[in-house]
Amino acid sequence: MKQDHEFTTYESAISAVLMQVEKLSNPLIGAQYWLSPIGIFPESVKALAELRDRSKISTSLCVLSRVINFQLYENTRTTQSINDEHFWSIVGAQIQLIREKEKELGVL
């Protein structure tokens, strides 16, 4: 497929590549990049993929992971660290927001 428009940011170019790789060969690549770039939380990446599948949302794992990544950064601005419970509460909240938006748009 021909790229017919410029990417607005470096991040949008990276996301486009990751979403294609996710579809073609490695369904976990986006989550690995955004949430476990040096492989320190591989079990969380797999658990997130399973939770996304069970939630039956259409949004790609890559996009979901990027949204979670952004929320983690925002939360660490006011909190020293993010423990597992806090991480999974962020995940749950983001999946719920995505479900609501997909329902609103008629995707679900």
PDB file of N, CA and C in Angstrom:
ATOM      1  N   MET A   1       0.839  -1.176   0.000  1.00  0.00           N
ATOM      2  CA  MET A   1       0.000   0.000   0.000  1.00  0.00           C
ATOM      3  C   MET A   1       0.885   1.240   0.000  1.00  0.00           C
ATOM      4  N   LYS A   2       0.539   2.198  -0.835  1.00  0.00           N
ATOM      5  CA  LYS A   2       1.311   3.428  -0.943  1.00  0.00           C
ATOM      6  C   LYS A   2       0.943   4.401   0.166  1.00  0.00           C
ATOM      7  N   GLN A   3       1.949   5.004   0.763  1.00  0.00           N
ATOM      8  CA  GLN A   3       1.743   6.038   1.780  1.00  0.00           C
ATOM      9  C   GLN A   3       1.417   7.333   1.051  1.00  0.00           C
ATOM     10  N   ASP A   4       0.189   7.826   1.157  1.00  0.00           N
ATOM     11  CA  ASP A   4      -0.218   8.990   0.380  1.00  0.00           C
ATOM     12  C   ASP A   4      -0.275  10.301   1.164  1.00  0.00           C
ATOM     13  N   HIS A   5       0.183  10.285   2.386  1.00  0.00           N
ATOM     14  CA  HIS A   5       0.256  11.526   3.161  1.00  0.00           C
ATOM     15  C   HIS A   5       1.439  11.473   4.113  1.00  0.00           C
ATOM     16  N   GLU A   6       1.884  12.639   4.510  1.00  0.00           N
ATOM     17  CA  GLU A   6       3.012  12.735   5.429  1.00  0.00           C
ATOM     18  C   GLU A   6       2.574  12.380   6.847  1.00  0.00           C
ATOM     19  N   PHE A   7       3.451  11.738   7.581  1.00  0.00           N
ATOM     20  CA  PHE A   7       3.191  11.526   8.997  1.00  0.00           C
ATOM     21  C   PHE A   7       3.407  12.850   9.714  1.00  0.00           C
ATOM     22  N   THR A   8       2.515  13.158  10.638  1.00  0.00           N
ATOM     23  CA  THR A   8       2.610  14.440  11.324  1.00  0.00           C
ATOM     24  C   THR A   8       3.693  14.459  12.396  1.00  0.00           C
ATOM     25  N   THR A   9       3.979  13.294  12.958  1.00  0.00           N
ATOM     26  CA  THR A   9       4.999  13.220  14.006  1.00  0.00           C
ATOM     27  C   THR A   9       5.772  11.911  13.864  1.00  0.00           C
ATOM     28  N   TYR A  10       6.911  11.888  14.494  1.00  0.00           N
ATOM     29  CA  TYR A  10       7.706  10.672  14.567  1.00  0.00           C
ATOM     30  C   TYR A  10       6.888   9.559  15.215  1.00  0.00           C
ATOM     31  N   GLU A  11       6.150   9.901  16.254  1.00  0.00           N
ATOM     32  CA  GLU A  11       5.340   8.917  16.965  1.00  0.00           C
ATOM     33  C   GLU A  11       4.293   8.289  16.047  1.00  0.00           C
ATOM     34  N   SER A  12       3.664   9.085  15.189  1.00  0.00           N
ATOM     35  CA  SER A  12       2.649   8.526  14.290  1.00  0.00           C
ATOM     36  C   SER A  12       3.278   7.583  13.276  1.00  0.00           C
ATOM     37  N   ALA A  13       4.492   7.857  12.844  1.00  0.00           N
ATOM     38  CA  ALA A  13       5.195   6.951  11.929  1.00  0.00           C
ATOM     39  C   ALA A  13       5.525   5.638  12.630  1.00  0.00           C
ATOM     40  N   ILE A  14       6.036   5.717  13.841  1.00  0.00           N
ATOM     41  CA  ILE A  14       6.341   4.510  14.620  1.00  0.00           C
ATOM     42  C   ILE A  14       5.079   3.686  14.844  1.00  0.00           C
ATOM     43  N   SER A  15       3.988   4.338  15.212  1.00  0.00           N
ATOM     44  CA  SER A  15       2.735   3.622  15.456  1.00  0.00           C
ATOM     45  C   SER A  15       2.233   2.928  14.198  1.00  0.00           C
ATOM     46  N   ALA A  16       2.345   3.580  13.054  1.00  0.00           N
ATOM     47  CA  ALA A  16       1.903   2.958  11.797  1.00  0.00           C
ATOM     48  C   ALA A  16       2.705   1.696  11.501  1.00  0.00           C
ATOM     49  N   VAL A  17       4.001   1.763  11.701  1.00  0.00           N
ATOM     50  CA  VAL A  17       4.851   0.586  11.474  1.00  0.00           C
ATOM     51  C   VAL A  17       4.494  -0.523  12.459  1.00  0.00           C
ATOM     52  N   LEU A  18       4.351  -0.165  13.723  1.00  0.00           N
ATOM     53  CA  LEU A  18       4.040  -1.176  14.736  1.00  0.00           C
ATOM     54  C   LEU A  18       2.696  -1.848  14.471  1.00  0.00           C
ATOM     55  N   MET A  19       1.705  -1.082  14.035  1.00  0.00           N
ATOM     56  CA  MET A  19       0.391  -1.671  13.757  1.00  0.00           C
ATOM     57  C   MET A  19       0.454  -2.643  12.576  1.00  0.00           C
ATOM     58  N   GLN A  20       1.295  -2.346  11.584  1.00  0.00           N
ATOM     59  CA  GLN A  20       1.440  -3.269  10.453  1.00  0.00           C
ATOM     60  C   GLN A  20       2.147  -4.554  10.879  1.00  0.00           C
ATOM     61  N   VAL A  21       3.196  -4.420  11.673  1.00  0.00           N
ATOM     62  CA  VAL A  21       3.915  -5.602  12.166  1.00  0.00           C
ATOM     63  C   VAL A  21       2.991  -6.431  13.052  1.00  0.00           C
ATOM     64  N   GLU A  22       2.170  -5.754  13.865  1.00  0.00           N
ATOM     65  CA  GLU A  22       1.199  -6.442  14.724  1.00  0.00           C
ATOM     66  C   GLU A  22       0.266  -7.316  13.886  1.00  0.00           C
ATOM     67  N   LYS A  23      -0.196  -6.792  12.764  1.00  0.00           N
ATOM     68  CA  LYS A  23      -1.103  -7.540  11.884  1.00  0.00           C
ATOM     69  C   LYS A  23      -0.403  -8.682  11.156  1.00  0.00           C
ATOM     70  N   LEU A  24       0.834  -8.455  10.732  1.00  0.00           N
ATOM     71  CA  LEU A  24       1.507  -9.388   9.837  1.00  0.00           C
ATOM     72  C   LEU A  24       2.323 -10.484  10.519  1.00  0.00           C
ATOM     73  N   SER A  25       2.990 -10.160  11.630  1.00  0.00           N
ATOM     74  CA  SER A  25       3.903 -11.182  12.152  1.00  0.00           C
ATOM     75  C   SER A  25       4.041 -11.271  13.667  1.00  0.00           C
ATOM     76  N   ASN A  26       3.854 -10.179  14.389  1.00  0.00           N
ATOM     77  CA  ASN A  26       4.057 -10.227  15.838  1.00  0.00           C
ATOM     78  C   ASN A  26       2.944  -9.454  16.534  1.00  0.00           C
ATOM     79  N   PRO A  27       1.880 -10.133  16.958  1.00  0.00           N
ATOM     80  CA  PRO A  27       0.740  -9.432  17.555  1.00  0.00           C
ATOM     81  C   PRO A  27       1.060  -8.695  18.857  1.00  0.00           C
ATOM     82  N   LEU A  28       2.216  -8.945  19.441  1.00  0.00           N
ATOM     83  CA  LEU A  28       2.570  -8.290  20.709  1.00  0.00           C
ATOM     84  C   LEU A  28       3.534  -7.115  20.540  1.00  0.00           C
ATOM     85  N   ILE A  29       3.963  -6.829  19.315  1.00  0.00           N
ATOM     86  CA  ILE A  29       5.035  -5.844  19.103  1.00  0.00           C
ATOM     87  C   ILE A  29       4.703  -4.454  19.654  1.00  0.00           C
ATOM     88  N   GLY A  30       3.481  -3.980  19.479  1.00  0.00           N
ATOM     89  CA  GLY A  30       3.122  -2.654  19.981  1.00  0.00           C
ATOM     90  C   GLY A  30       3.170  -2.578  21.491  1.00  0.00           C
ATOM     91  N   ALA A  31       2.635  -3.593  22.140  1.00  0.00           N
ATOM     92  CA  ALA A  31       2.666  -3.629  23.607  1.00  0.00           C
ATOM     93  C   ALA A  31       4.100  -3.763  24.115  1.00  0.00           C
ATOM     94  N   GLN A  32       4.900  -4.546  23.418  1.00  0.00           N
ATOM     95  CA  GLN A  32       6.296  -4.680  23.816  1.00  0.00           C
ATOM     96  C   GLN A  32       7.020  -3.341  23.703  1.00  0.00           C
ATOM     97  N   TYR A  33       6.771  -2.612  22.635  1.00  0.00           N
ATOM     98  CA  TYR A  33       7.425  -1.320  22.423  1.00  0.00           C
ATOM     99  C   TYR A  33       6.975  -0.279  23.452  1.00  0.00           C
ATOM    100  N   TRP A  34       5.662  -0.146  23.634  1.00  0.00           N
ATOM    101  CA  TRP A  34       5.139   0.913  24.497  1.00  0.00           C
ATOM    102  C   TRP A  34       5.218   0.591  25.983  1.00  0.00           C
ATOM    103  N   LEU A  35       5.122  -0.686  26.353  1.00  0.00           N
ATOM    104  CA  LEU A  35       5.024  -1.021  27.777  1.00  0.00           C
ATOM    105  C   LEU A  35       6.190  -1.831  28.329  1.00  0.00           C
ATOM    106  N   SER A  36       6.962  -2.438  27.464  1.00  0.00           N
ATOM    107  CA  SER A  36       8.065  -3.273  27.938  1.00  0.00           C
ATOM    108  C   SER A  36       9.231  -3.215  26.952  1.00  0.00           C
ATOM    109  N   PRO A  37       9.755  -2.014  26.712  1.00  0.00           N
ATOM    110  CA  PRO A  37      10.748  -1.858  25.647  1.00  0.00           C
ATOM    111  C   PRO A  37      12.039  -2.654  25.824  1.00  0.00           C
ATOM    112  N   ILE A  38      12.387  -2.983  27.025  1.00  0.00           N
ATOM    113  CA  ILE A  38      13.589  -3.801  27.216  1.00  0.00           C
ATOM    114  C   ILE A  38      13.247  -5.186  27.753  1.00  0.00           C
ATOM    115  N   GLY A  39      11.989  -5.556  27.590  1.00  0.00           N
ATOM    116  CA  GLY A  39      11.562  -6.902  27.952  1.00  0.00           C
ATOM    117  C   GLY A  39      11.469  -7.177  29.440  1.00  0.00           C
ATOM    118  N   ILE A  40      11.278  -6.128  30.252  1.00  0.00           N
ATOM    119  CA  ILE A  40      11.266  -6.357  31.697  1.00  0.00           C
ATOM    120  C   ILE A  40       9.925  -6.821  32.242  1.00  0.00           C
ATOM    121  N   PHE A  41       8.847  -6.658  31.451  1.00  0.00           N
ATOM    122  CA  PHE A  41       7.526  -7.086  31.910  1.00  0.00           C
ATOM    123  C   PHE A  41       6.815  -7.944  30.866  1.00  0.00           C
ATOM    124  N   PRO A  42       7.450  -9.003  30.381  1.00  0.00           N
ATOM    125  CA  PRO A  42       6.808  -9.800  29.315  1.00  0.00           C
ATOM    126  C   PRO A  42       5.490 -10.430  29.753  1.00  0.00           C
ATOM    127  N   GLU A  43       5.365 -10.775  31.017  1.00  0.00           N
ATOM    128  CA  GLU A  43       4.113 -11.374  31.484  1.00  0.00           C
ATOM    129  C   GLU A  43       2.967 -10.367  31.456  1.00  0.00           C
ATOM    130  N   SER A  44       3.265  -9.106  31.689  1.00  0.00           N
ATOM    131  CA  SER A  44       2.235  -8.070  31.625  1.00  0.00           C
ATOM    132  C   SER A  44       1.764  -7.851  30.189  1.00  0.00           C
ATOM    133  N   VAL A  45       2.674  -7.930  29.245  1.00  0.00           N
ATOM    134  CA  VAL A  45       2.320  -7.780  27.830  1.00  0.00           C
ATOM    135  C   VAL A  45       1.369  -8.902  27.423  1.00  0.00           C
ATOM    136  N   LYS A  46       1.694 -10.122  27.777  1.00  0.00           N
ATOM    137  CA  LYS A  46       0.831 -11.263  27.433  1.00  0.00           C
ATOM    138  C   LYS A  46      -0.519 -11.153  28.133  1.00  0.00           C
ATOM    139  N   ALA A  47      -0.516 -10.755  29.404  1.00  0.00           N
ATOM    140  CA  ALA A  47      -1.770 -10.615  30.152  1.00  0.00           C
ATOM    141  C   ALA A  47      -2.634  -9.505  29.548  1.00  0.00           C
ATOM    142  N   LEU A  48      -2.011  -8.419  29.117  1.00  0.00           N
ATOM    143  CA  LEU A  48      -2.757  -7.330  28.483  1.00  0.00           C
ATOM    144  C   LEU A  48      -3.389  -7.809  27.177  1.00  0.00           C
ATOM    145  N   ALA A  49      -2.644  -8.560  26.384  1.00  0.00           N
ATOM    146  CA  ALA A  49      -3.181  -9.083  25.121  1.00  0.00           C
ATOM    147  C   ALA A  49      -4.390  -9.978  25.387  1.00  0.00           C
ATOM    148  N   GLU A  50      -4.295 -10.818  26.391  1.00  0.00           N
ATOM    149  CA  GLU A  50      -5.419 -11.701  26.737  1.00  0.00           C
ATOM    150  C   GLU A  50      -6.624 -10.895  27.231  1.00  0.00           C
ATOM    151  N   LEU A  51      -6.381  -9.883  28.038  1.00  0.00           N
ATOM    152  CA  LEU A  51      -7.457  -9.034  28.550  1.00  0.00           C
ATOM    153  C   LEU A  51      -8.126  -8.272  27.410  1.00  0.00           C
ATOM    154  N   ARG A  52      -7.341  -7.755  26.485  1.00  0.00           N
ATOM    155  CA  ARG A  52      -7.903  -7.072  25.318  1.00  0.00           C
ATOM    156  C   ARG A  52      -8.800  -8.020  24.529  1.00  0.00           C
ATOM    157  N   ASP A  53      -8.338  -9.236  24.303  1.00  0.00           N
ATOM    158  CA  ASP A  53      -9.131 -10.223  23.565  1.00  0.00           C
ATOM    159  C   ASP A  53     -10.435 -10.540  24.297  1.00  0.00           C
ATOM    160  N   ARG A  54     -10.364 -10.736  25.599  1.00  0.00           N
ATOM    161  CA  ARG A  54     -11.568 -11.031  26.386  1.00  0.00           C
ATOM    162  C   ARG A  54     -12.535  -9.847  26.403  1.00  0.00           C
ATOM    163  N   SER A  55     -12.007  -8.646  26.315  1.00  0.00           N
ATOM    164  CA  SER A  55     -12.843  -7.445  26.329  1.00  0.00           C
ATOM    165  C   SER A  55     -13.570  -7.234  25.007  1.00  0.00           C
ATOM    166  N   LYS A  56     -13.102  -7.929  23.973  1.00  0.00           N
ATOM    167  CA  LYS A  56     -13.729  -7.869  22.646  1.00  0.00           C
ATOM    168  C   LYS A  56     -13.775  -6.458  22.069  1.00  0.00           C
ATOM    169  N   ILE A  57     -12.706  -5.693  22.303  1.00  0.00           N
ATOM    170  CA  ILE A  57     -12.618  -4.384  21.665  1.00  0.00           C
ATOM    171  C   ILE A  57     -11.900  -4.544  20.333  1.00  0.00           C
ATOM    172  N   SER A  58     -12.179  -3.639  19.407  1.00  0.00           N
ATOM    173  CA  SER A  58     -11.566  -3.696  18.081  1.00  0.00           C
ATOM    174  C   SER A  58     -10.249  -2.939  18.009  1.00  0.00           C
ATOM    175  N   THR A  59     -10.044  -2.015  18.899  1.00  0.00           N
ATOM    176  CA  THR A  59      -8.825  -1.214  18.906  1.00  0.00           C
ATOM    177  C   THR A  59      -7.615  -2.130  19.035  1.00  0.00           C
ATOM    178  N   SER A  60      -6.611  -1.861  18.218  1.00  0.00           N
ATOM    179  CA  SER A  60      -5.431  -2.728  18.215  1.00  0.00           C
ATOM    180  C   SER A  60      -4.703  -2.694  19.561  1.00  0.00           C
ATOM    181  N   LEU A  61      -3.972  -3.760  19.825  1.00  0.00           N
ATOM    182  CA  LEU A  61      -3.176  -3.836  21.052  1.00  0.00           C
ATOM    183  C   LEU A  61      -2.131  -2.723  21.063  1.00  0.00           C
ATOM    184  N   CYS A  62      -1.609  -2.389  19.905  1.00  0.00           N
ATOM    185  CA  CYS A  62      -0.621  -1.313  19.802  1.00  0.00           C
ATOM    186  C   CYS A  62      -1.207   0.012  20.272  1.00  0.00           C
ATOM    187  N   VAL A  63      -2.395   0.357  19.788  1.00  0.00           N
ATOM    188  CA  VAL A  63      -3.033   1.618  20.167  1.00  0.00           C
ATOM    189  C   VAL A  63      -3.407   1.602  21.648  1.00  0.00           C
ATOM    190  N   LEU A  64      -3.982   0.505  22.103  1.00  0.00           N
ATOM    191  CA  LEU A  64      -4.312   0.375  23.527  1.00  0.00           C
ATOM    192  C   LEU A  64      -3.062   0.570  24.383  1.00  0.00           C
ATOM    193  N   SER A  65      -1.971  -0.041  23.997  1.00  0.00           N
ATOM    194  CA  SER A  65      -0.723   0.063  24.765  1.00  0.00           C
ATOM    195  C   SER A  65      -0.186   1.481  24.786  1.00  0.00           C
ATOM    196  N   ARG A  66      -0.311   2.187  23.676  1.00  0.00           N
ATOM    197  CA  ARG A  66       0.152   3.578  23.622  1.00  0.00           C
ATOM    198  C   ARG A  66      -0.676   4.455  24.552  1.00  0.00           C
ATOM    199  N   VAL A  67      -1.982   4.236  24.582  1.00  0.00           N
ATOM    200  CA  VAL A  67      -2.854   5.008  25.476  1.00  0.00           C
ATOM    201  C   VAL A  67      -2.493   4.721  26.937  1.00  0.00           C
ATOM    202  N   ILE A  68      -2.245   3.463  27.244  1.00  0.00           N
ATOM    203  CA  ILE A  68      -1.839   3.088  28.610  1.00  0.00           C
ATOM    204  C   ILE A  68      -0.500   3.726  28.949  1.00  0.00           C
ATOM    205  N   ASN A  69       0.440   3.682  28.005  1.00  0.00           N
ATOM    206  CA  ASN A  69       1.753   4.290  28.188  1.00  0.00           C
ATOM    207  C   ASN A  69       1.613   5.771  28.536  1.00  0.00           C
ATOM    208  N   PHE A  70       0.777   6.469  27.787  1.00  0.00           N
ATOM    209  CA  PHE A  70       0.557   7.886  28.039  1.00  0.00           C
ATOM    210  C   PHE A  70      -0.008   8.110  29.437  1.00  0.00           C
ATOM    211  N   GLN A  71      -0.984   7.301  29.847  1.00  0.00           N
ATOM    212  CA  GLN A  71      -1.565   7.431  31.181  1.00  0.00           C
ATOM    213  C   GLN A  71      -0.543   7.131  32.275  1.00  0.00           C
ATOM    214  N   LEU A  72       0.323   6.179  32.027  1.00  0.00           N
ATOM    215  CA  LEU A  72       1.378   5.875  32.998  1.00  0.00           C
ATOM    216  C   LEU A  72       2.297   7.078  33.186  1.00  0.00           C
ATOM    217  N   TYR A  73       2.690   7.704  32.080  1.00  0.00           N
ATOM    218  CA  TYR A  73       3.524   8.912  32.183  1.00  0.00           C
ATOM    219  C   TYR A  73       2.794  10.010  32.946  1.00  0.00           C
ATOM    220  N   GLU A  74       1.544  10.226  32.630  1.00  0.00           N
ATOM    221  CA  GLU A  74       0.762  11.249  33.318  1.00  0.00           C
ATOM    222  C   GLU A  74       0.671  10.959  34.816  1.00  0.00           C
ATOM    223  N   ASN A  75       0.451   9.698  35.163  1.00  0.00           N
ATOM    224  CA  ASN A  75       0.334   9.328  36.581  1.00  0.00           C
ATOM    225  C   ASN A  75       1.653   9.468  37.322  1.00  0.00           C
ATOM    226  N   THR A  76       2.759   9.190  36.675  1.00  0.00           N
ATOM    227  CA  THR A  76       4.055   9.289  37.360  1.00  0.00           C
ATOM    228  C   THR A  76       4.482  10.739  37.563  1.00  0.00           C
ATOM    229  N   ARG A  77       3.794  11.663  36.929  1.00  0.00           N
ATOM    230  CA  ARG A  77       4.075  13.082  37.183  1.00  0.00           C
ATOM    231  C   ARG A  77       3.647  13.465  38.594  1.00  0.00           C
ATOM    232  N   THR A  78       2.658  12.754  39.145  1.00  0.00           N
ATOM    233  CA  THR A  78       2.150  13.090  40.477  1.00  0.00           C
ATOM    234  C   THR A  78       2.416  12.003  41.512  1.00  0.00           C
ATOM    235  N   THR A  79       2.867  10.836  41.059  1.00  0.00           N
ATOM    236  CA  THR A  79       3.106   9.703  41.947  1.00  0.00           C
ATOM    237  C   THR A  79       4.533   9.214  41.737  1.00  0.00           C
ATOM    238  N   GLN A  80       5.170   8.769  42.784  1.00  0.00           N
ATOM    239  CA  GLN A  80       6.545   8.285  42.673  1.00  0.00           C
ATOM    240  C   GLN A  80       6.664   7.052  41.790  1.00  0.00           C
ATOM    241  N   SER A  81       5.763   6.111  41.966  1.00  0.00           N
ATOM    242  CA  SER A  81       5.864   4.874  41.197  1.00  0.00           C
ATOM    243  C   SER A  81       4.477   4.300  40.947  1.00  0.00           C
ATOM    244  N   ILE A  82       4.428   3.380  40.009  1.00  0.00           N
ATOM    245  CA  ILE A  82       3.178   2.701  39.661  1.00  0.00           C
ATOM    246  C   ILE A  82       3.336   1.238  40.058  1.00  0.00           C
ATOM    247  N   ASN A  83       2.513   0.776  40.998  1.00  0.00           N
ATOM    248  CA  ASN A  83       2.567  -0.633  41.360  1.00  0.00           C
ATOM    249  C   ASN A  83       1.624  -1.428  40.445  1.00  0.00           C
ATOM    250  N   ASP A  84       1.616  -2.746  40.598  1.00  0.00           N
ATOM    251  CA  ASP A  84       0.787  -3.597  39.737  1.00  0.00           C
ATOM    252  C   ASP A  84      -0.690  -3.234  39.815  1.00  0.00           C
ATOM    253  N   GLU A  85      -1.174  -3.014  41.019  1.00  0.00           N
ATOM    254  CA  GLU A  85      -2.595  -2.685  41.191  1.00  0.00           C
ATOM    255  C   GLU A  85      -2.955  -1.402  40.442  1.00  0.00           C
ATOM    256  N   HIS A  86      -2.105  -0.395  40.558  1.00  0.00           N
ATOM    257  CA  HIS A  86      -2.340   0.877  39.871  1.00  0.00           C
ATOM    258  C   HIS A  86      -2.261   0.681  38.350  1.00  0.00           C
ATOM    259  N   PHE A  87      -1.263  -0.077  37.891  1.00  0.00           N
ATOM    260  CA  PHE A  87      -1.119  -0.358  36.457  1.00  0.00           C
ATOM    261  C   PHE A  87      -2.400  -0.983  35.904  1.00  0.00           C
ATOM    262  N   TRP A  88      -2.902  -2.030  36.569  1.00  0.00           N
ATOM    263  CA  TRP A  88      -4.083  -2.727  36.065  1.00  0.00           C
ATOM    264  C   TRP A  88      -5.350  -1.894  36.203  1.00  0.00           C
ATOM    265  N   SER A  89      -5.390  -0.972  37.152  1.00  0.00           N
ATOM    266  CA  SER A  89      -6.552  -0.077  37.220  1.00  0.00           C
ATOM    267  C   SER A  89      -6.534   0.895  36.041  1.00  0.00           C
ATOM    268  N   ILE A  90      -5.353   1.345  35.640  1.00  0.00           N
ATOM    269  CA  ILE A  90      -5.221   2.194  34.448  1.00  0.00           C
ATOM    270  C   ILE A  90      -5.651   1.410  33.212  1.00  0.00           C
ATOM    271  N   VAL A  91      -5.195   0.166  33.110  1.00  0.00           N
ATOM    272  CA  VAL A  91      -5.571  -0.691  31.983  1.00  0.00           C
ATOM    273  C   VAL A  91      -7.093  -0.831  31.914  1.00  0.00           C
ATOM    274  N   GLY A  92      -7.714  -1.155  33.043  1.00  0.00           N
ATOM    275  CA  GLY A  92      -9.164  -1.334  33.079  1.00  0.00           C
ATOM    276  C   GLY A  92      -9.907  -0.072  32.670  1.00  0.00           C
ATOM    277  N   ALA A  93      -9.443   1.064  33.160  1.00  0.00           N
ATOM    278  CA  ALA A  93     -10.092   2.334  32.828  1.00  0.00           C
ATOM    279  C   ALA A  93      -9.968   2.643  31.344  1.00  0.00           C
ATOM    280  N   GLN A  94      -8.811   2.373  30.770  1.00  0.00           N
ATOM    281  CA  GLN A  94      -8.617   2.651  29.345  1.00  0.00           C
ATOM    282  C   GLN A  94      -9.439   1.706  28.469  1.00  0.00           C
ATOM    283  N   ILE A  95      -9.518   0.450  28.841  1.00  0.00           N
ATOM    284  CA  ILE A  95     -10.347  -0.491  28.085  1.00  0.00           C
ATOM    285  C   ILE A  95     -11.813  -0.062  28.158  1.00  0.00           C
ATOM    286  N   GLN A  96     -12.248   0.378  29.321  1.00  0.00           N
ATOM    287  CA  GLN A  96     -13.634   0.836  29.464  1.00  0.00           C
ATOM    288  C   GLN A  96     -13.900   2.052  28.587  1.00  0.00           C
ATOM    289  N   LEU A  97     -12.982   3.016  28.573  1.00  0.00           N
ATOM    290  CA  LEU A  97     -13.145   4.193  27.718  1.00  0.00           C
ATOM    291  C   LEU A  97     -13.205   3.802  26.244  1.00  0.00           C
ATOM    292  N   ILE A  98     -12.348   2.880  25.844  1.00  0.00           N
ATOM    293  CA  ILE A  98     -12.332   2.428  24.454  1.00  0.00           C
ATOM    294  C   ILE A  98     -13.631   1.703  24.112  1.00  0.00           C
ATOM    295  N   ARG A  99     -14.097   0.850  25.021  1.00  0.00           N
ATOM    296  CA  ARG A  99     -15.380   0.146  24.796  1.00  0.00           C
ATOM    297  C   ARG A  99     -16.516   1.149  24.578  1.00  0.00           C
ATOM    298  N   GLU A 100     -16.562   2.157  25.433  1.00  0.00           N
ATOM    299  CA  GLU A 100     -17.616   3.171  25.317  1.00  0.00           C
ATOM    300  C   GLU A 100     -17.523   3.917  23.991  1.00  0.00           C
ATOM    301  N   LYS A 101     -16.326   4.275  23.584  1.00  0.00           N
ATOM    302  CA  LYS A 101     -16.128   5.002  22.323  1.00  0.00           C
ATOM    303  C   LYS A 101     -16.464   4.105  21.131  1.00  0.00           C
ATOM    304  N   GLU A 102     -16.057   2.849  21.174  1.00  0.00           N
ATOM    305  CA  GLU A 102     -16.377   1.932  20.087  1.00  0.00           C
ATOM    306  C   GLU A 102     -17.892   1.710  19.987  1.00  0.00           C
ATOM    307  N   LYS A 103     -18.548   1.629  21.133  1.00  0.00           N
ATOM    308  CA  LYS A 103     -19.995   1.473  21.145  1.00  0.00           C
ATOM    309  C   LYS A 103     -20.667   2.706  20.549  1.00  0.00           C
ATOM    310  N   GLU A 104     -20.190   3.872  20.959  1.00  0.00           N
ATOM    311  CA  GLU A 104     -20.716   5.135  20.447  1.00  0.00           C
ATOM    312  C   GLU A 104     -20.560   5.233  18.922  1.00  0.00           C
ATOM    313  N   LEU A 105     -19.421   4.761  18.424  1.00  0.00           N
ATOM    314  CA  LEU A 105     -19.136   4.839  16.990  1.00  0.00           C
ATOM    315  C   LEU A 105     -19.712   3.669  16.201  1.00  0.00           C
ATOM    316  N   GLY A 106     -20.334   2.702  16.907  1.00  0.00           N
ATOM    317  CA  GLY A 106     -20.915   1.559  16.236  1.00  0.00           C
ATOM    318  C   GLY A 106     -19.919   0.493  15.834  1.00  0.00           C
ATOM    319  N   VAL A 107     -18.772   0.483  16.472  1.00  0.00           N
ATOM    320  CA  VAL A 107     -17.744  -0.515  16.171  1.00  0.00           C
ATOM    321  C   VAL A 107     -18.052  -1.826  16.868  1.00  0.00           C
ATOM    322  N   LEU A 108     -18.617  -1.761  18.065  1.00  0.00           N
ATOM    323  CA  LEU A 108     -18.961  -2.971  18.824  1.00  0.00           C
ATOM    324  C   LEU A 108     -20.303  -3.507  18.409  1.00  0.00           C
TER     325      LEU A 108
END
